[in-house]
Amino acid sequence: MGKTTLAQLVFKDHRIKEQFEMKAWVYVTQSNDLVRLTQSILESFQSSAADSQDLEILQR
């Protein structure tokens, strides 16, 4: 079983769903750009894109 398959099984598990109000599925690339990753997570929760490039602002 691969890493992505395992992560998807955990993500879809009903016991996990009960523990969290919101969940996000994002793809992480080799570049590990923390700002871009944070933007992707925020965009999955809202209809408008997260425009800031400041990680501290994005994390608020």
PDB file of N, CA and C in Angstrom:
ATOM      1  N   MET A   1       0.853  -1.166   0.000  1.00  0.00           N
ATOM      2  CA  MET A   1       0.000   0.000   0.000  1.00  0.00           C
ATOM      3  C   MET A   1       0.904   1.235   0.000  1.00  0.00           C
ATOM      4  N   GLY A   2       0.580   2.185  -0.870  1.00  0.00           N
ATOM      5  CA  GLY A   2       1.377   3.402  -0.986  1.00  0.00           C
ATOM      6  C   GLY A   2       0.989   4.464   0.036  1.00  0.00           C
ATOM      7  N   LYS A   3       1.807   5.505   0.116  1.00  0.00           N
ATOM      8  CA  LYS A   3       1.569   6.591   1.076  1.00  0.00           C
ATOM      9  C   LYS A   3       0.270   7.325   0.785  1.00  0.00           C
ATOM     10  N   THR A   4       0.019   7.622  -0.480  1.00  0.00           N
ATOM     11  CA  THR A   4      -1.195   8.349  -0.833  1.00  0.00           C
ATOM     12  C   THR A   4      -2.429   7.515  -0.547  1.00  0.00           C
ATOM     13  N   THR A   5      -2.393   6.244  -0.864  1.00  0.00           N
ATOM     14  CA  THR A   5      -3.527   5.353  -0.597  1.00  0.00           C
ATOM     15  C   THR A   5      -3.818   5.291   0.896  1.00  0.00           C
ATOM     16  N   LEU A   6      -2.786   5.159   1.700  1.00  0.00           N
ATOM     17  CA  LEU A   6      -2.961   5.125   3.148  1.00  0.00           C
ATOM     18  C   LEU A   6      -3.540   6.440   3.657  1.00  0.00           C
ATOM     19  N   ALA A   7      -3.005   7.556   3.165  1.00  0.00           N
ATOM     20  CA  ALA A   7      -3.508   8.870   3.581  1.00  0.00           C
ATOM     21  C   ALA A   7      -4.976   9.034   3.199  1.00  0.00           C
ATOM     22  N   GLN A   8      -5.376   8.569   2.014  1.00  0.00           N
ATOM     23  CA  GLN A   8      -6.773   8.658   1.588  1.00  0.00           C
ATOM     24  C   GLN A   8      -7.682   7.810   2.470  1.00  0.00           C
ATOM     25  N   LEU A   9      -7.238   6.643   2.850  1.00  0.00           N
ATOM     26  CA  LEU A   9      -8.034   5.787   3.735  1.00  0.00           C
ATOM     27  C   LEU A   9      -8.260   6.456   5.088  1.00  0.00           C
ATOM     28  N   VAL A  10      -7.221   7.054   5.628  1.00  0.00           N
ATOM     29  CA  VAL A  10      -7.353   7.763   6.907  1.00  0.00           C
ATOM     30  C   VAL A  10      -8.268   8.968   6.742  1.00  0.00           C
ATOM     31  N   PHE A  11      -8.080   9.730   5.669  1.00  0.00           N
ATOM     32  CA  PHE A  11      -8.864  10.933   5.405  1.00  0.00           C
ATOM     33  C   PHE A  11     -10.355  10.619   5.308  1.00  0.00           C
ATOM     34  N   LYS A  12     -10.701   9.490   4.701  1.00  0.00           N
ATOM     35  CA  LYS A  12     -12.103   9.125   4.472  1.00  0.00           C
ATOM     36  C   LYS A  12     -12.727   8.328   5.619  1.00  0.00           C
ATOM     37  N   ASP A  13     -11.941   7.918   6.589  1.00  0.00           N
ATOM     38  CA  ASP A  13     -12.436   7.098   7.693  1.00  0.00           C
ATOM     39  C   ASP A  13     -13.461   7.873   8.524  1.00  0.00           C
ATOM     40  N   HIS A  14     -14.610   7.254   8.814  1.00  0.00           N
ATOM     41  CA  HIS A  14     -15.683   7.937   9.545  1.00  0.00           C
ATOM     42  C   HIS A  14     -15.251   8.357  10.948  1.00  0.00           C
ATOM     43  N   ARG A  15     -14.340   7.622  11.552  1.00  0.00           N
ATOM     44  CA  ARG A  15     -13.866   7.993  12.893  1.00  0.00           C
ATOM     45  C   ARG A  15     -13.055   9.282  12.847  1.00  0.00           C
ATOM     46  N   ILE A  16     -12.354   9.488  11.759  1.00  0.00           N
ATOM     47  CA  ILE A  16     -11.594  10.730  11.587  1.00  0.00           C
ATOM     48  C   ILE A  16     -12.556  11.875  11.307  1.00  0.00           C
ATOM     49  N   LYS A  17     -13.546  11.636  10.441  1.00  0.00           N
ATOM     50  CA  LYS A  17     -14.520  12.676  10.104  1.00  0.00           C
ATOM     51  C   LYS A  17     -15.225  13.202  11.336  1.00  0.00           C
ATOM     52  N   GLU A  18     -15.488  12.332  12.304  1.00  0.00           N
ATOM     53  CA  GLU A  18     -16.176  12.734  13.531  1.00  0.00           C
ATOM     54  C   GLU A  18     -15.317  13.641  14.408  1.00  0.00           C
ATOM     55  N   GLN A  19     -14.026  13.589  14.264  1.00  0.00           N
ATOM     56  CA  GLN A  19     -13.111  14.334  15.128  1.00  0.00           C
ATOM     57  C   GLN A  19     -12.810  15.750  14.636  1.00  0.00           C
ATOM     58  N   PHE A  20     -13.105  16.018  13.373  1.00  0.00           N
ATOM     59  CA  PHE A  20     -12.732  17.305  12.796  1.00  0.00           C
ATOM     60  C   PHE A  20     -13.925  17.968  12.130  1.00  0.00           C
ATOM     61  N   GLU A  21     -14.072  19.259  12.376  1.00  0.00           N
ATOM     62  CA  GLU A  21     -15.138  20.030  11.745  1.00  0.00           C
ATOM     63  C   GLU A  21     -14.844  20.246  10.260  1.00  0.00           C
ATOM     64  N   MET A  22     -13.575  20.489   9.941  1.00  0.00           N
ATOM     65  CA  MET A  22     -13.172  20.736   8.563  1.00  0.00           C
ATOM     66  C   MET A  22     -11.944  19.889   8.243  1.00  0.00           C
ATOM     67  N   LYS A  23     -11.847  19.471   6.984  1.00  0.00           N
ATOM     68  CA  LYS A  23     -10.681  18.725   6.513  1.00  0.00           C
ATOM     69  C   LYS A  23     -10.286  19.279   5.154  1.00  0.00           C
ATOM     70  N   ALA A  24      -9.018  19.150   4.826  1.00  0.00           N
ATOM     71  CA  ALA A  24      -8.537  19.602   3.520  1.00  0.00           C
ATOM     72  C   ALA A  24      -7.607  18.552   2.936  1.00  0.00           C
ATOM     73  N   TRP A  25      -7.755  18.329   1.648  1.00  0.00           N
ATOM     74  CA  TRP A  25      -6.858  17.417   0.930  1.00  0.00           C
ATOM     75  C   TRP A  25      -6.051  18.268  -0.033  1.00  0.00           C
ATOM     76  N   VAL A  26      -4.754  18.332   0.175  1.00  0.00           N
ATOM     77  CA  VAL A  26      -3.887  19.107  -0.716  1.00  0.00           C
ATOM     78  C   VAL A  26      -2.720  18.236  -1.153  1.00  0.00           C
ATOM     79  N   TYR A  27      -2.195  18.534  -2.315  1.00  0.00           N
ATOM     80  CA  TYR A  27      -1.034  17.817  -2.833  1.00  0.00           C
ATOM     81  C   TYR A  27       0.230  18.567  -2.430  1.00  0.00           C
ATOM     82  N   VAL A  28       1.198  17.848  -1.917  1.00  0.00           N
ATOM     83  CA  VAL A  28       2.463  18.439  -1.493  1.00  0.00           C
ATOM     84  C   VAL A  28       3.531  18.007  -2.487  1.00  0.00           C
ATOM     85  N   THR A  29       4.235  19.001  -3.017  1.00  0.00           N
ATOM     86  CA  THR A  29       5.274  18.719  -4.007  1.00  0.00           C
ATOM     87  C   THR A  29       6.640  18.639  -3.331  1.00  0.00           C
ATOM     88  N   GLN A  30       7.629  18.305  -4.109  1.00  0.00           N
ATOM     89  CA  GLN A  30       9.003  18.208  -3.613  1.00  0.00           C
ATOM     90  C   GLN A  30       9.537  19.554  -3.124  1.00  0.00           C
ATOM     91  N   SER A  31       8.997  20.661  -3.645  1.00  0.00           N
ATOM     92  CA  SER A  31       9.545  21.981  -3.311  1.00  0.00           C
ATOM     93  C   SER A  31       9.274  22.387  -1.864  1.00  0.00           C
ATOM     94  N   ASN A  32       8.239  21.816  -1.248  1.00  0.00           N
ATOM     95  CA  ASN A  32       7.918  22.121   0.146  1.00  0.00           C
ATOM     96  C   ASN A  32       7.774  23.619   0.404  1.00  0.00           C
ATOM     97  N   ASP A  33       7.106  24.326  -0.501  1.00  0.00           N
ATOM     98  CA  ASP A  33       6.859  25.757  -0.355  1.00  0.00           C
ATOM     99  C   ASP A  33       5.745  25.941   0.673  1.00  0.00           C
ATOM    100  N   LEU A  34       6.108  26.344   1.888  1.00  0.00           N
ATOM    101  CA  LEU A  34       5.161  26.431   2.989  1.00  0.00           C
ATOM    102  C   LEU A  34       4.063  27.458   2.730  1.00  0.00           C
ATOM    103  N   VAL A  35       4.408  28.572   2.088  1.00  0.00           N
ATOM    104  CA  VAL A  35       3.403  29.591   1.774  1.00  0.00           C
ATOM    105  C   VAL A  35       2.385  29.028   0.793  1.00  0.00           C
ATOM    106  N   ARG A  36       2.850  28.389  -0.268  1.00  0.00           N
ATOM    107  CA  ARG A  36       1.941  27.826  -1.269  1.00  0.00           C
ATOM    108  C   ARG A  36       1.076  26.719  -0.662  1.00  0.00           C
ATOM    109  N   LEU A  37       1.648  25.886   0.187  1.00  0.00           N
ATOM    110  CA  LEU A  37       0.895  24.827   0.853  1.00  0.00           C
ATOM    111  C   LEU A  37      -0.200  25.422   1.738  1.00  0.00           C
ATOM    112  N   THR A  38       0.149  26.450   2.511  1.00  0.00           N
ATOM    113  CA  THR A  38      -0.836  27.104   3.373  1.00  0.00           C
ATOM    114  C   THR A  38      -1.936  27.741   2.536  1.00  0.00           C
ATOM    115  N   GLN A  39      -1.575  28.375   1.428  1.00  0.00           N
ATOM    116  CA  GLN A  39      -2.573  28.961   0.532  1.00  0.00           C
ATOM    117  C   GLN A  39      -3.514  27.886  -0.004  1.00  0.00           C
ATOM    118  N   SER A  40      -2.989  26.745  -0.388  1.00  0.00           N
ATOM    119  CA  SER A  40      -3.820  25.656  -0.914  1.00  0.00           C
ATOM    120  C   SER A  40      -4.822  25.172   0.123  1.00  0.00           C
ATOM    121  N   ILE A  41      -4.370  25.051   1.359  1.00  0.00           N
ATOM    122  CA  ILE A  41      -5.274  24.619   2.430  1.00  0.00           C
ATOM    123  C   ILE A  41      -6.376  25.649   2.629  1.00  0.00           C
ATOM    124  N   LEU A  42      -6.012  26.923   2.702  1.00  0.00           N
ATOM    125  CA  LEU A  42      -7.009  27.980   2.900  1.00  0.00           C
ATOM    126  C   LEU A  42      -7.993  28.048   1.742  1.00  0.00           C
ATOM    127  N   GLU A  43      -7.501  27.903   0.517  1.00  0.00           N
ATOM    128  CA  GLU A  43      -8.369  27.954  -0.657  1.00  0.00           C
ATOM    129  C   GLU A  43      -9.373  26.808  -0.666  1.00  0.00           C
ATOM    130  N   SER A  44      -9.026  25.688  -0.081  1.00  0.00           N
ATOM    131  CA  SER A  44      -9.971  24.574  -0.045  1.00  0.00           C
ATOM    132  C   SER A  44     -11.121  24.841   0.920  1.00  0.00           C
ATOM    133  N   PHE A  45     -10.947  25.797   1.838  1.00  0.00           N
ATOM    134  CA  PHE A  45     -11.986  26.132   2.809  1.00  0.00           C
ATOM    135  C   PHE A  45     -12.809  27.349   2.422  1.00  0.00           C
ATOM    136  N   GLN A  46     -12.373  28.097   1.437  1.00  0.00           N
ATOM    137  CA  GLN A  46     -13.087  29.314   1.061  1.00  0.00           C
ATOM    138  C   GLN A  46     -13.128  29.439  -0.447  1.00  0.00           C
ATOM    139  N   SER A  47     -14.105  30.206  -0.917  1.00  0.00           N
ATOM    140  CA  SER A  47     -14.260  30.346  -2.362  1.00  0.00           C
ATOM    141  C   SER A  47     -13.250  31.319  -2.960  1.00  0.00           C
ATOM    142  N   SER A  48     -12.831  32.332  -2.198  1.00  0.00           N
ATOM    143  CA  SER A  48     -11.854  33.280  -2.730  1.00  0.00           C
ATOM    144  C   SER A  48     -10.441  32.803  -2.406  1.00  0.00           C
ATOM    145  N   ALA A  49      -9.532  33.100  -3.286  1.00  0.00           N
ATOM    146  CA  ALA A  49      -8.150  32.651  -3.124  1.00  0.00           C
ATOM    147  C   ALA A  49      -7.449  33.446  -2.031  1.00  0.00           C
ATOM    148  N   ALA A  50      -6.547  32.807  -1.347  1.00  0.00           N
ATOM    149  CA  ALA A  50      -5.714  33.477  -0.351  1.00  0.00           C
ATOM    150  C   ALA A  50      -4.594  34.184  -1.103  1.00  0.00           C
ATOM    151  N   ASP A  51      -4.605  35.512  -1.076  1.00  0.00           N
ATOM    152  CA  ASP A  51      -3.678  36.290  -1.896  1.00  0.00           C
ATOM    153  C   ASP A  51      -2.356  36.606  -1.215  1.00  0.00           C
ATOM    154  N   SER A  52      -2.309  36.561   0.089  1.00  0.00           N
ATOM    155  CA  SER A  52      -1.115  36.980   0.806  1.00  0.00           C
ATOM    156  C   SER A  52       0.054  36.030   0.559  1.00  0.00           C
ATOM    157  N   GLN A  53       1.241  36.602   0.530  1.00  0.00           N
ATOM    158  CA  GLN A  53       2.475  35.819   0.437  1.00  0.00           C
ATOM    159  C   GLN A  53       3.163  35.743   1.794  1.00  0.00           C
ATOM    160  N   ASP A  54       2.566  36.380   2.816  1.00  0.00           N
ATOM    161  CA  ASP A  54       3.140  36.424   4.164  1.00  0.00           C
ATOM    162  C   ASP A  54       2.599  35.247   4.970  1.00  0.00           C
ATOM    163  N   LEU A  55       3.471  34.293   5.297  1.00  0.00           N
ATOM    164  CA  LEU A  55       3.046  33.083   5.995  1.00  0.00           C
ATOM    165  C   LEU A  55       2.398  33.403   7.336  1.00  0.00           C
ATOM    166  N   GLU A  56       2.900  34.393   8.051  1.00  0.00           N
ATOM    167  CA  GLU A  56       2.330  34.757   9.353  1.00  0.00           C
ATOM    168  C   GLU A  56       0.877  35.216   9.201  1.00  0.00           C
ATOM    169  N   ILE A  57       0.592  35.993   8.179  1.00  0.00           N
ATOM    170  CA  ILE A  57      -0.781  36.444   7.918  1.00  0.00           C
ATOM    171  C   ILE A  57      -1.650  35.264   7.509  1.00  0.00           C
ATOM    172  N   LEU A  58      -1.141  34.381   6.683  1.00  0.00           N
ATOM    173  CA  LEU A  58      -1.909  33.225   6.227  1.00  0.00           C
ATOM    174  C   LEU A  58      -2.285  32.299   7.373  1.00  0.00           C
ATOM    175  N   GLN A  59      -1.449  32.199   8.383  1.00  0.00           N
ATOM    176  CA  GLN A  59      -1.695  31.279   9.482  1.00  0.00           C
ATOM    177  C   GLN A  59      -2.697  31.809  10.494  1.00  0.00           C
ATOM    178  N   ARG A  60      -3.101  33.052  10.410  1.00  0.00           N
ATOM    179  CA  ARG A  60      -4.051  33.631  11.369  1.00  0.00           C
ATOM    180  C   ARG A  60      -5.443  33.170  11.143  1.00  0.00           C
TER     181      ARG A  60
END
